[in-house]
């Protein structure tokens, strides 16, 4: 069970990295990661806020 959880954790982390390279899809709707929807939503929202703040700082 621990081994399976570790693999899923690695998959979630990898999914986040993939999304950061191409953030033009809804991370929370990724099939197979429904049990991590809250975590993925928080991650997506954090990055979207960060990107908006960076855009607001540009002249």
N, C-alpha and C. Protein backbone atom coordinates (compact mmCIF):
# COMPACT_ATOMS: atom_id res chain seq x y z
N UNK A 1 0.82 -1.20 0.00
CA UNK A 1 0.00 0.00 0.00
C UNK A 1 0.86 1.26 0.00
N UNK A 2 1.91 1.26 0.83
CA UNK A 2 2.79 2.43 0.89
C UNK A 2 3.46 2.64 -0.47
N UNK A 3 3.89 1.55 -1.12
CA UNK A 3 4.53 1.65 -2.43
C UNK A 3 3.56 2.27 -3.45
N UNK A 4 2.31 1.85 -3.43
CA UNK A 4 1.32 2.38 -4.35
C UNK A 4 1.09 3.86 -4.08
N UNK A 5 1.03 4.26 -2.83
CA UNK A 5 0.82 5.66 -2.48
C UNK A 5 2.01 6.50 -2.94
N UNK A 6 3.21 5.97 -2.77
CA UNK A 6 4.41 6.70 -3.19
C UNK A 6 4.37 6.91 -4.71
N UNK A 7 3.97 5.90 -5.45
CA UNK A 7 3.88 6.05 -6.90
C UNK A 7 2.85 7.10 -7.29
N UNK A 8 1.71 7.11 -6.61
CA UNK A 8 0.68 8.10 -6.90
C UNK A 8 1.20 9.49 -6.55
N UNK A 9 1.91 9.63 -5.46
CA UNK A 9 2.49 10.92 -5.08
C UNK A 9 3.44 11.38 -6.18
N UNK A 10 4.27 10.48 -6.68
CA UNK A 10 5.19 10.83 -7.76
C UNK A 10 4.41 11.25 -9.01
N UNK A 11 3.31 10.55 -9.28
CA UNK A 11 2.49 10.88 -10.45
C UNK A 11 1.85 12.26 -10.30
N UNK A 12 1.38 12.59 -9.11
CA UNK A 12 0.79 13.90 -8.87
C UNK A 12 1.84 14.99 -9.07
N UNK A 13 3.02 14.77 -8.53
CA UNK A 13 4.10 15.75 -8.69
C UNK A 13 4.50 15.90 -10.15
N UNK A 14 4.54 14.80 -10.87
CA UNK A 14 4.88 14.85 -12.30
C UNK A 14 3.79 15.59 -13.08
N UNK A 15 2.53 15.33 -12.73
CA UNK A 15 1.42 16.02 -13.38
C UNK A 15 1.54 17.54 -13.18
N UNK A 16 1.90 17.95 -12.00
CA UNK A 16 2.07 19.38 -11.73
C UNK A 16 3.17 19.97 -12.60
N UNK A 17 4.27 19.27 -12.73
CA UNK A 17 5.39 19.74 -13.57
C UNK A 17 4.96 19.84 -15.04
N UNK A 18 4.22 18.86 -15.51
CA UNK A 18 3.74 18.88 -16.89
C UNK A 18 2.82 20.08 -17.10
N UNK A 19 1.93 20.30 -16.15
CA UNK A 19 0.99 21.41 -16.25
C UNK A 19 1.73 22.75 -16.26
N UNK A 20 2.78 22.89 -15.46
CA UNK A 20 3.53 24.14 -15.44
C UNK A 20 4.15 24.45 -16.80
N UNK A 21 4.49 23.43 -17.56
CA UNK A 21 5.05 23.64 -18.89
C UNK A 21 3.99 24.01 -19.92
N UNK A 22 2.73 23.67 -19.64
CA UNK A 22 1.63 23.95 -20.56
C UNK A 22 0.35 24.15 -19.74
N UNK A 23 0.21 25.31 -19.10
CA UNK A 23 -0.90 25.51 -18.16
C UNK A 23 -2.22 25.93 -18.79
N UNK A 24 -2.47 25.47 -20.00
CA UNK A 24 -3.68 25.90 -20.70
C UNK A 24 -4.78 24.86 -20.67
N UNK A 25 -4.83 24.09 -19.58
CA UNK A 25 -5.90 23.13 -19.38
C UNK A 25 -6.20 23.10 -17.89
N UNK A 26 -7.37 22.65 -17.54
CA UNK A 26 -7.81 22.64 -16.15
C UNK A 26 -7.21 21.44 -15.43
N UNK A 27 -6.25 21.73 -14.61
CA UNK A 27 -5.52 20.69 -13.88
C UNK A 27 -6.45 19.84 -13.02
N UNK A 28 -7.48 20.45 -12.46
CA UNK A 28 -8.38 19.75 -11.55
C UNK A 28 -9.26 18.73 -12.26
N UNK A 29 -9.35 18.82 -13.58
CA UNK A 29 -10.21 17.90 -14.33
C UNK A 29 -9.43 16.74 -14.95
N UNK A 30 -8.19 16.55 -14.53
CA UNK A 30 -7.36 15.49 -15.09
C UNK A 30 -7.88 14.13 -14.64
N UNK A 31 -8.23 13.33 -15.61
CA UNK A 31 -8.76 12.00 -15.33
C UNK A 31 -7.73 11.14 -14.59
N UNK A 32 -8.19 10.44 -13.58
CA UNK A 32 -7.33 9.57 -12.80
C UNK A 32 -6.78 10.21 -11.55
N UNK A 33 -6.98 11.53 -11.39
CA UNK A 33 -6.45 12.24 -10.24
C UNK A 33 -7.57 12.88 -9.41
N UNK A 34 -8.75 12.31 -9.52
CA UNK A 34 -9.92 12.87 -8.83
C UNK A 34 -9.71 12.95 -7.32
N UNK A 35 -8.99 12.01 -6.75
CA UNK A 35 -8.78 12.01 -5.30
C UNK A 35 -7.83 13.11 -4.86
N UNK A 36 -7.20 13.79 -5.80
CA UNK A 36 -6.26 14.88 -5.50
C UNK A 36 -6.78 16.22 -6.00
N UNK A 37 -8.06 16.27 -6.31
CA UNK A 37 -8.64 17.48 -6.90
C UNK A 37 -8.40 18.73 -6.05
N UNK A 38 -8.56 18.63 -4.72
CA UNK A 38 -8.36 19.81 -3.86
C UNK A 38 -6.91 20.29 -3.91
N UNK A 39 -5.99 19.36 -3.85
CA UNK A 39 -4.56 19.70 -3.92
C UNK A 39 -4.22 20.34 -5.27
N UNK A 40 -4.74 19.76 -6.33
CA UNK A 40 -4.46 20.29 -7.67
C UNK A 40 -5.10 21.66 -7.87
N UNK A 41 -6.29 21.85 -7.33
CA UNK A 41 -6.96 23.15 -7.43
C UNK A 41 -6.16 24.22 -6.70
N UNK A 42 -5.66 23.90 -5.52
CA UNK A 42 -4.86 24.86 -4.76
C UNK A 42 -3.56 25.18 -5.50
N UNK A 43 -2.93 24.18 -6.08
CA UNK A 43 -1.69 24.38 -6.84
C UNK A 43 -1.95 25.27 -8.06
N UNK A 44 -3.01 24.97 -8.80
CA UNK A 44 -3.35 25.75 -9.98
C UNK A 44 -3.68 27.19 -9.60
N UNK A 45 -4.45 27.39 -8.56
CA UNK A 45 -4.83 28.73 -8.13
C UNK A 45 -3.61 29.53 -7.67
N UNK A 46 -2.69 28.89 -6.95
CA UNK A 46 -1.48 29.57 -6.49
C UNK A 46 -0.69 30.10 -7.68
N UNK A 47 -0.49 29.27 -8.69
CA UNK A 47 0.29 29.68 -9.85
C UNK A 47 -0.45 30.74 -10.66
N UNK A 48 -1.74 30.62 -10.78
CA UNK A 48 -2.49 31.63 -11.53
C UNK A 48 -2.42 32.99 -10.84
N UNK A 49 -2.51 33.01 -9.51
CA UNK A 49 -2.35 34.27 -8.76
C UNK A 49 -0.95 34.84 -8.97
N UNK A 50 0.04 33.97 -8.92
CA UNK A 50 1.42 34.41 -9.09
C UNK A 50 1.63 35.03 -10.47
N UNK A 51 1.11 34.36 -11.50
CA UNK A 51 1.27 34.87 -12.85
C UNK A 51 0.52 36.19 -13.05
N UNK A 52 -0.66 36.31 -12.46
CA UNK A 52 -1.40 37.57 -12.54
C UNK A 52 -0.66 38.69 -11.84
N UNK A 53 -0.06 38.41 -10.69
CA UNK A 53 0.71 39.42 -9.97
C UNK A 53 1.93 39.85 -10.79
N UNK A 54 2.58 38.89 -11.44
CA UNK A 54 3.74 39.23 -12.29
C UNK A 54 3.31 40.12 -13.46
N UNK A 55 2.16 39.82 -14.05
CA UNK A 55 1.67 40.63 -15.15
C UNK A 55 1.31 42.04 -14.68
N UNK A 56 0.77 42.16 -13.49
CA UNK A 56 0.39 43.46 -12.95
C UNK A 56 1.61 44.32 -12.65
N UNK A 57 2.74 43.69 -12.37
CA UNK A 57 3.95 44.44 -12.06
C UNK A 57 4.66 44.96 -13.31
N UNK A 58 4.34 44.39 -14.47
CA UNK A 58 4.99 44.83 -15.71
C UNK A 58 4.47 46.20 -16.11
N UNK A 59 5.35 47.04 -16.64
CA UNK A 59 4.92 48.38 -17.06
C UNK A 59 4.02 48.36 -18.29
